[in-house]
Amino acid sequence: MTIHYIYHSCFAVTTETALIVFDYWQDSDDGMLHRLIAGRGDRRLYFVVSHFHEDHYNAEILDFADARLLVSYDTARRRHIASDRATAVLRPGQVYEDECLSLRAVRSTDVGISSLVTLPDGTRLYHAGDNNNWYFPQDPGEHIHCSLKEMEGLFLSTVREVKGLAQNVDYVMLPVDPRLGDEILRGPRQWLKAIKTGHFYPMHCWEQWDAVGKAIEQLRVEFPKVEFVSLP
């Protein structure tokens, strides 16, 4: 299995039988995603969309006639995806399963879902979508519509939900968003303290690689057993 970072919160996961694309918004400058799709051979193509925000969705996914679209309920509604085009429209707690993967939709602190994926060999992946502790201490009203205490509780609740489903996750893709300033690592730390994680991929970084790199170095010191993947 190989995980390719594409752009922003988009990752392409290549397994023996599938190419799973999470939250495609834009391709990389070198067109990696389209090259992976063109060269996938007999692998089944999946597009997973966590929510309708424009930085997590590209209508181009509808152009791939053979792709299986696993989309959140709000994406289907807000992006007008016909029911006969979506392979599955998912709400938190629902599961899509076939011979290539099992995807359980989990709650998010923002709109839509996050995704816990289990492959046939037992490998587990978690793509957060916009699930994070969006703790904006400087100006919370501009970004979130609840108190900081409520946001904290919501995020810790989603972490407990995932932990109830999987004590350990092999590959985790979670926001490390520089807009949070000094609280950039609040959510990732809470996740890593609660759930045994093999490989951690930052996302939703807005290309502020210096700030993200420094944050990841802090996590490497605090969680030496986790493999942190540097981007881009």
C-alpha atoms as a PDB file:
ATOM      1  CA  MET A   1       0.000   0.000   0.000  1.00  0.00           C
ATOM      2  CA  THR A   2       1.200   3.503  -0.865  1.00  0.00           C
ATOM      3  CA  ILE A   3      -0.138   6.888   0.238  1.00  0.00           C
ATOM      4  CA  HIS A   4       0.440   9.867  -2.057  1.00  0.00           C
ATOM      5  CA  TYR A   5      -0.114  13.411  -0.855  1.00  0.00           C
ATOM      6  CA  ILE A   6      -1.827  15.374  -3.625  1.00  0.00           C
ATOM      7  CA  TYR A   7      -2.835  18.826  -2.381  1.00  0.00           C
ATOM      8  CA  HIS A   8      -4.345  20.443   0.731  1.00  0.00           C
ATOM      9  CA  SER A   9      -6.418  17.600   2.245  1.00  0.00           C
ATOM     10  CA  CYS A  10      -6.306  15.250  -0.734  1.00  0.00           C
ATOM     11  CA  PHE A  11      -4.513  11.922  -0.523  1.00  0.00           C
ATOM     12  CA  ALA A  12      -4.520   9.017  -2.967  1.00  0.00           C
ATOM     13  CA  VAL A  13      -4.131   5.567  -1.427  1.00  0.00           C
ATOM     14  CA  THR A  14      -3.024   2.754  -3.718  1.00  0.00           C
ATOM     15  CA  THR A  15      -3.731  -0.805  -2.593  1.00  0.00           C
ATOM     16  CA  GLU A  16      -3.513  -4.097  -4.472  1.00  0.00           C
ATOM     17  CA  THR A  17      -7.113  -3.761  -5.646  1.00  0.00           C
ATOM     18  CA  ALA A  18      -8.065  -0.093  -5.319  1.00  0.00           C
ATOM     19  CA  LEU A  19      -7.123   3.552  -5.756  1.00  0.00           C
ATOM     20  CA  ILE A  20      -8.869   5.533  -3.008  1.00  0.00           C
ATOM     21  CA  VAL A  21      -8.877   9.316  -3.366  1.00  0.00           C
ATOM     22  CA  PHE A  22      -9.870  11.418  -0.361  1.00  0.00           C
ATOM     23  CA  ASP A  23     -11.182  14.995  -0.663  1.00  0.00           C
ATOM     24  CA  TYR A  24      -9.946  15.869  -4.138  1.00  0.00           C
ATOM     25  CA  TRP A  25      -9.889  19.627  -4.699  1.00  0.00           C
ATOM     26  CA  GLN A  26      -6.860  20.314  -6.893  1.00  0.00           C
ATOM     27  CA  ASP A  27      -4.202  18.091  -8.419  1.00  0.00           C
ATOM     28  CA  SER A  28      -0.539  18.561  -7.569  1.00  0.00           C
ATOM     29  CA  ASP A  29       1.558  20.772  -9.853  1.00  0.00           C
ATOM     30  CA  ASP A  30       2.986  17.703 -11.579  1.00  0.00           C
ATOM     31  CA  GLY A  31      -0.428  16.105 -12.151  1.00  0.00           C
ATOM     32  CA  MET A  32       0.235  13.172  -9.843  1.00  0.00           C
ATOM     33  CA  LEU A  33      -3.406  12.300  -9.220  1.00  0.00           C
ATOM     34  CA  HIS A  34      -4.321  12.120 -12.887  1.00  0.00           C
ATOM     35  CA  ARG A  35      -1.225  10.023 -13.559  1.00  0.00           C
ATOM     36  CA  LEU A  36      -2.201   7.629 -10.782  1.00  0.00           C
ATOM     37  CA  ILE A  37      -5.731   7.355 -12.165  1.00  0.00           C
ATOM     38  CA  ALA A  38      -4.485   6.773 -15.718  1.00  0.00           C
ATOM     39  CA  GLY A  39      -2.037   4.115 -14.553  1.00  0.00           C
ATOM     40  CA  ARG A  40      -4.225   2.298 -12.047  1.00  0.00           C
ATOM     41  CA  GLY A  41      -4.740  -0.743 -14.272  1.00  0.00           C
ATOM     42  CA  ASP A  42      -7.451  -3.018 -12.900  1.00  0.00           C
ATOM     43  CA  ARG A  43      -7.666  -1.226  -9.560  1.00  0.00           C
ATOM     44  CA  ARG A  44     -11.112   0.049  -8.640  1.00  0.00           C
ATOM     45  CA  LEU A  45     -11.314   3.839  -8.350  1.00  0.00           C
ATOM     46  CA  TYR A  46     -12.992   5.471  -5.347  1.00  0.00           C
ATOM     47  CA  PHE A  47     -13.558   9.128  -4.554  1.00  0.00           C
ATOM     48  CA  VAL A  48     -14.347   9.811  -0.897  1.00  0.00           C
ATOM     49  CA  VAL A  49     -15.746  13.279  -0.127  1.00  0.00           C
ATOM     50  CA  SER A  50     -15.986  14.271   3.532  1.00  0.00           C
ATOM     51  CA  HIS A  51     -18.076  17.437   3.072  1.00  0.00           C
ATOM     52  CA  PHE A  52     -19.179  20.046   0.571  1.00  0.00           C
ATOM     53  CA  HIS A  53     -16.625  22.837   1.218  1.00  0.00           C
ATOM     54  CA  GLU A  54     -14.903  23.951  -1.961  1.00  0.00           C
ATOM     55  CA  ASP A  55     -11.432  23.043  -0.669  1.00  0.00           C
ATOM     56  CA  HIS A  56     -12.539  19.404  -0.301  1.00  0.00           C
ATOM     57  CA  TYR A  57     -14.579  18.878  -3.469  1.00  0.00           C
ATOM     58  CA  ASN A  58     -14.082  19.017  -7.227  1.00  0.00           C
ATOM     59  CA  ALA A  59     -16.984  18.288  -9.582  1.00  0.00           C
ATOM     60  CA  GLU A  60     -14.506  16.567 -11.902  1.00  0.00           C
ATOM     61  CA  ILE A  61     -15.032  13.377  -9.901  1.00  0.00           C
ATOM     62  CA  LEU A  62     -18.403  13.066 -11.646  1.00  0.00           C
ATOM     63  CA  ASP A  63     -16.631  12.702 -14.988  1.00  0.00           C
ATOM     64  CA  PHE A  64     -15.064   9.348 -14.106  1.00  0.00           C
ATOM     65  CA  ALA A  65     -17.849   7.007 -15.146  1.00  0.00           C
ATOM     66  CA  ASP A  66     -16.288   3.923 -13.563  1.00  0.00           C
ATOM     67  CA  ALA A  67     -15.495   5.583 -10.218  1.00  0.00           C
ATOM     68  CA  ARG A  68     -17.347   4.708  -7.037  1.00  0.00           C
ATOM     69  CA  LEU A  69     -18.379   7.904  -5.255  1.00  0.00           C
ATOM     70  CA  LEU A  70     -18.632   7.694  -1.457  1.00  0.00           C
ATOM     71  CA  VAL A  71     -19.908  11.121  -0.446  1.00  0.00           C
ATOM     72  CA  SER A  72     -21.239  12.723   2.709  1.00  0.00           C
ATOM     73  CA  TYR A  73     -24.908  13.579   2.940  1.00  0.00           C
ATOM     74  CA  ASP A  74     -24.242  17.334   2.800  1.00  0.00           C
ATOM     75  CA  THR A  75     -22.058  16.959  -0.301  1.00  0.00           C
ATOM     76  CA  ALA A  76     -24.804  15.101  -2.138  1.00  0.00           C
ATOM     77  CA  ARG A  77     -27.309  17.815  -1.249  1.00  0.00           C
ATOM     78  CA  ARG A  78     -25.223  20.964  -1.649  1.00  0.00           C
ATOM     79  CA  ARG A  79     -23.346  19.796  -4.753  1.00  0.00           C
ATOM     80  CA  HIS A  80     -26.480  18.330  -6.364  1.00  0.00           C
ATOM     81  CA  ILE A  81     -25.084  14.834  -6.873  1.00  0.00           C
ATOM     82  CA  ALA A  82     -27.839  12.608  -8.225  1.00  0.00           C
ATOM     83  CA  SER A  83     -28.751   9.599  -6.124  1.00  0.00           C
ATOM     84  CA  ASP A  84     -28.068   7.251  -9.030  1.00  0.00           C
ATOM     85  CA  ARG A  85     -24.553   8.701  -9.457  1.00  0.00           C
ATOM     86  CA  ALA A  86     -23.385   8.385  -5.854  1.00  0.00           C
ATOM     87  CA  THR A  87     -22.417   4.859  -4.878  1.00  0.00           C
ATOM     88  CA  ALA A  88     -23.126   5.721  -1.250  1.00  0.00           C
ATOM     89  CA  VAL A  89     -24.398   8.830   0.535  1.00  0.00           C
ATOM     90  CA  LEU A  90     -23.127   8.599   4.084  1.00  0.00           C
ATOM     91  CA  ARG A  91     -24.158   9.982   7.452  1.00  0.00           C
ATOM     92  CA  PRO A  92     -22.201   9.438  10.683  1.00  0.00           C
ATOM     93  CA  GLY A  93     -22.548   5.849  11.815  1.00  0.00           C
ATOM     94  CA  GLN A  94     -23.251   4.422   8.360  1.00  0.00           C
ATOM     95  CA  VAL A  95     -20.970   1.922   6.650  1.00  0.00           C
ATOM     96  CA  TYR A  96     -20.138   1.219   3.023  1.00  0.00           C
ATOM     97  CA  GLU A  97     -18.471  -2.117   2.336  1.00  0.00           C
ATOM     98  CA  ASP A  98     -17.368  -4.141  -0.668  1.00  0.00           C
ATOM     99  CA  GLU A  99     -14.547  -6.559  -1.461  1.00  0.00           C
ATOM    100  CA  CYS A 100     -11.924  -3.781  -1.596  1.00  0.00           C
ATOM    101  CA  LEU A 101     -12.651  -1.790   1.555  1.00  0.00           C
ATOM    102  CA  SER A 102     -14.966  -1.028   4.436  1.00  0.00           C
ATOM    103  CA  LEU A 103     -15.621   2.650   5.192  1.00  0.00           C
ATOM    104  CA  ARG A 104     -17.367   3.778   8.344  1.00  0.00           C
ATOM    105  CA  ALA A 105     -18.536   7.384   8.441  1.00  0.00           C
ATOM    106  CA  VAL A 106     -17.663   9.089  11.721  1.00  0.00           C
ATOM    107  CA  ARG A 107     -18.790  12.444  13.072  1.00  0.00           C
ATOM    108  CA  SER A 108     -16.906  15.695  12.457  1.00  0.00           C
ATOM    109  CA  THR A 109     -16.647  18.926  14.439  1.00  0.00           C
ATOM    110  CA  ASP A 110     -17.483  20.707  11.203  1.00  0.00           C
ATOM    111  CA  VAL A 111     -19.960  19.692   8.501  1.00  0.00           C
ATOM    112  CA  GLY A 112     -20.026  16.257   6.893  1.00  0.00           C
ATOM    113  CA  ILE A 113     -18.104  13.229   8.074  1.00  0.00           C
ATOM    114  CA  SER A 114     -14.684  11.805   8.726  1.00  0.00           C
ATOM    115  CA  SER A 115     -13.769   8.343   7.435  1.00  0.00           C
ATOM    116  CA  LEU A 116     -12.409   5.218   9.124  1.00  0.00           C
ATOM    117  CA  VAL A 117     -11.386   2.788   6.387  1.00  0.00           C
ATOM    118  CA  THR A 118     -10.447  -0.841   6.900  1.00  0.00           C
ATOM    119  CA  LEU A 119      -8.743  -2.769   4.100  1.00  0.00           C
ATOM    120  CA  PRO A 120      -9.095  -6.540   3.560  1.00  0.00           C
ATOM    121  CA  ASP A 121      -5.732  -7.204   5.249  1.00  0.00           C
ATOM    122  CA  GLY A 122      -6.845  -5.344   8.383  1.00  0.00           C
ATOM    123  CA  THR A 123      -4.957  -2.105   7.711  1.00  0.00           C
ATOM    124  CA  ARG A 124      -6.839   0.904   9.088  1.00  0.00           C
ATOM    125  CA  LEU A 125      -6.793   4.454   7.714  1.00  0.00           C
ATOM    126  CA  TYR A 126      -8.463   7.548   9.102  1.00  0.00           C
ATOM    127  CA  HIS A 127      -9.094  10.652   7.030  1.00  0.00           C
ATOM    128  CA  ALA A 128     -10.407  13.460   9.189  1.00  0.00           C
ATOM    129  CA  GLY A 129     -12.004  15.694   6.583  1.00  0.00           C
ATOM    130  CA  ASP A 130     -12.551  18.836   8.668  1.00  0.00           C
ATOM    131  CA  ASN A 131     -12.686  16.996  11.981  1.00  0.00           C
ATOM    132  CA  ASN A 132     -10.333  18.860  14.304  1.00  0.00           C
ATOM    133  CA  ASN A 133     -10.271  20.854  17.500  1.00  0.00           C
ATOM    134  CA  TRP A 134     -10.834  24.206  15.792  1.00  0.00           C
ATOM    135  CA  TYR A 135      -9.655  26.153  18.825  1.00  0.00           C
ATOM    136  CA  PHE A 136      -9.315  29.758  17.640  1.00  0.00           C
ATOM    137  CA  PRO A 137      -8.542  31.602  20.893  1.00  0.00           C
ATOM    138  CA  GLN A 138      -7.942  34.980  19.210  1.00  0.00           C
ATOM    139  CA  ASP A 139     -11.216  35.295  17.335  1.00  0.00           C
ATOM    140  CA  PRO A 140     -13.401  32.207  17.713  1.00  0.00           C
ATOM    141  CA  GLY A 141     -16.544  33.907  16.460  1.00  0.00           C
ATOM    142  CA  GLU A 142     -15.077  34.402  12.998  1.00  0.00           C
ATOM    143  CA  HIS A 143     -14.432  30.697  12.455  1.00  0.00           C
ATOM    144  CA  ILE A 144     -16.763  28.634  14.640  1.00  0.00           C
ATOM    145  CA  HIS A 145     -20.282  28.967  15.959  1.00  0.00           C
ATOM    146  CA  CYS A 146     -19.779  27.536  19.414  1.00  0.00           C
ATOM    147  CA  SER A 147     -17.653  28.314  22.460  1.00  0.00           C
ATOM    148  CA  LEU A 148     -14.072  27.072  22.769  1.00  0.00           C
ATOM    149  CA  LYS A 149     -15.212  24.744  25.551  1.00  0.00           C
ATOM    150  CA  GLU A 150     -17.935  23.296  23.335  1.00  0.00           C
ATOM    151  CA  MET A 151     -15.478  22.826  20.462  1.00  0.00           C
ATOM    152  CA  GLU A 152     -13.077  21.006  22.766  1.00  0.00           C
ATOM    153  CA  GLY A 153     -15.841  18.710  23.951  1.00  0.00           C
ATOM    154  CA  LEU A 154     -17.034  18.005  20.421  1.00  0.00           C
ATOM    155  CA  PHE A 155     -13.582  17.036  19.212  1.00  0.00           C
ATOM    156  CA  LEU A 156     -12.778  14.848  22.211  1.00  0.00           C
ATOM    157  CA  SER A 157     -16.126  13.143  21.672  1.00  0.00           C
ATOM    158  CA  THR A 158     -15.231  12.276  18.069  1.00  0.00           C
ATOM    159  CA  VAL A 159     -11.860  10.937  19.225  1.00  0.00           C
ATOM    160  CA  ARG A 160     -13.584   8.716  21.777  1.00  0.00           C
ATOM    161  CA  GLU A 161     -15.922   7.487  19.047  1.00  0.00           C
ATOM    162  CA  VAL A 162     -13.014   6.465  16.832  1.00  0.00           C
ATOM    163  CA  LYS A 163     -11.228   4.846  19.782  1.00  0.00           C
ATOM    164  CA  GLY A 164     -14.347   2.797  20.451  1.00  0.00           C
ATOM    165  CA  LEU A 165     -14.115   1.475  16.903  1.00  0.00           C
ATOM    166  CA  ALA A 166     -10.336   1.046  16.669  1.00  0.00           C
ATOM    167  CA  GLN A 167      -7.783   1.100  19.484  1.00  0.00           C
ATOM    168  CA  ASN A 168      -5.055   1.745  16.916  1.00  0.00           C
ATOM    169  CA  VAL A 169      -5.013   3.249  13.433  1.00  0.00           C
ATOM    170  CA  ASP A 170      -2.176   2.549  11.014  1.00  0.00           C
ATOM    171  CA  TYR A 171      -2.415   5.704   8.891  1.00  0.00           C
ATOM    172  CA  VAL A 172      -3.960   8.967  10.075  1.00  0.00           C
ATOM    173  CA  MET A 173      -4.576  12.101   7.987  1.00  0.00           C
ATOM    174  CA  LEU A 174      -5.485  15.003  10.290  1.00  0.00           C
ATOM    175  CA  PRO A 175      -5.512  18.829   9.993  1.00  0.00           C
ATOM    176  CA  VAL A 176      -2.438  20.724  11.153  1.00  0.00           C
ATOM    177  CA  ASP A 177      -3.756  24.179  10.329  1.00  0.00           C
ATOM    178  CA  PRO A 178      -1.451  27.188  10.841  1.00  0.00           C
ATOM    179  CA  ARG A 179      -4.446  29.522  11.170  1.00  0.00           C
ATOM    180  CA  LEU A 180      -4.820  28.173  14.707  1.00  0.00           C
ATOM    181  CA  GLY A 181      -1.595  29.888  15.758  1.00  0.00           C
ATOM    182  CA  ASP A 182      -0.291  28.625  19.105  1.00  0.00           C
ATOM    183  CA  GLU A 183      -3.105  26.043  19.181  1.00  0.00           C
ATOM    184  CA  ILE A 184      -2.043  24.383  15.913  1.00  0.00           C
ATOM    185  CA  LEU A 185      -1.234  21.138  17.735  1.00  0.00           C
ATOM    186  CA  ARG A 186      -4.125  21.056  20.189  1.00  0.00           C
ATOM    187  CA  GLY A 187      -6.210  18.602  18.164  1.00  0.00           C
ATOM    188  CA  PRO A 188      -3.328  16.406  16.908  1.00  0.00           C
ATOM    189  CA  ARG A 189      -1.950  16.053  20.445  1.00  0.00           C
ATOM    190  CA  GLN A 190      -5.345  15.034  21.794  1.00  0.00           C
ATOM    191  CA  TRP A 191      -5.694  12.455  19.036  1.00  0.00           C
ATOM    192  CA  LEU A 192      -2.203  11.021  19.519  1.00  0.00           C
ATOM    193  CA  LYS A 193      -2.598  10.751  23.294  1.00  0.00           C
ATOM    194  CA  ALA A 194      -5.822   8.792  22.881  1.00  0.00           C
ATOM    195  CA  ILE A 195      -5.273   6.553  19.843  1.00  0.00           C
ATOM    196  CA  LYS A 196      -2.216   4.498  18.971  1.00  0.00           C
ATOM    197  CA  THR A 197      -1.126   5.788  15.570  1.00  0.00           C
ATOM    198  CA  GLY A 198       1.389   4.251  13.179  1.00  0.00           C
ATOM    199  CA  HIS A 199       1.873   6.965  10.556  1.00  0.00           C
ATOM    200  CA  PHE A 200       0.648  10.558  10.826  1.00  0.00           C
ATOM    201  CA  TYR A 201       0.065  12.787   7.796  1.00  0.00           C
ATOM    202  CA  PRO A 202      -0.626  16.506   8.328  1.00  0.00           C
ATOM    203  CA  MET A 203      -3.148  18.149   6.021  1.00  0.00           C
ATOM    204  CA  HIS A 204      -5.216  21.334   5.614  1.00  0.00           C
ATOM    205  CA  CYS A 205      -1.914  23.215   5.863  1.00  0.00           C
ATOM    206  CA  TRP A 206      -2.594  26.028   3.357  1.00  0.00           C
ATOM    207  CA  GLU A 207       0.957  25.548   2.025  1.00  0.00           C
ATOM    208  CA  GLN A 208       2.494  27.178   5.117  1.00  0.00           C
ATOM    209  CA  TRP A 209       5.176  24.528   5.230  1.00  0.00           C
ATOM    210  CA  ASP A 210       7.587  26.284   7.599  1.00  0.00           C
ATOM    211  CA  ALA A 211       4.988  26.569  10.355  1.00  0.00           C
ATOM    212  CA  VAL A 212       3.734  23.040   9.747  1.00  0.00           C
ATOM    213  CA  GLY A 213       7.272  21.643   9.686  1.00  0.00           C
ATOM    214  CA  LYS A 214       8.057  23.201  13.074  1.00  0.00           C
ATOM    215  CA  ALA A 215       4.834  21.813  14.500  1.00  0.00           C
ATOM    216  CA  ILE A 216       5.605  18.318  13.216  1.00  0.00           C
ATOM    217  CA  GLU A 217       9.083  18.481  14.767  1.00  0.00           C
ATOM    218  CA  GLN A 218       7.452  19.164  18.122  1.00  0.00           C
ATOM    219  CA  LEU A 219       5.216  16.132  17.689  1.00  0.00           C
ATOM    220  CA  ARG A 220       8.213  13.950  16.804  1.00  0.00           C
ATOM    221  CA  VAL A 221       9.761  14.790  20.167  1.00  0.00           C
ATOM    222  CA  GLU A 222       6.527  14.220  22.096  1.00  0.00           C
ATOM    223  CA  PHE A 223       5.469  11.013  20.299  1.00  0.00           C
ATOM    224  CA  PRO A 224       8.672   9.197  19.272  1.00  0.00           C
ATOM    225  CA  LYS A 225       6.883   5.943  18.406  1.00  0.00           C
ATOM    226  CA  VAL A 226       4.807   7.582  15.669  1.00  0.00           C
ATOM    227  CA  GLU A 227       6.165   8.051  12.162  1.00  0.00           C
ATOM    228  CA  PHE A 228       5.384  11.610  11.069  1.00  0.00           C
ATOM    229  CA  VAL A 229       5.360  12.217   7.331  1.00  0.00           C
ATOM    230  CA  SER A 230       6.689  15.584   6.183  1.00  0.00           C
ATOM    231  CA  LEU A 231       4.885  17.423   3.397  1.00  0.00           C
ATOM    232  CA  PRO A 232       4.911  18.421   0.630  1.00  0.00           C
END
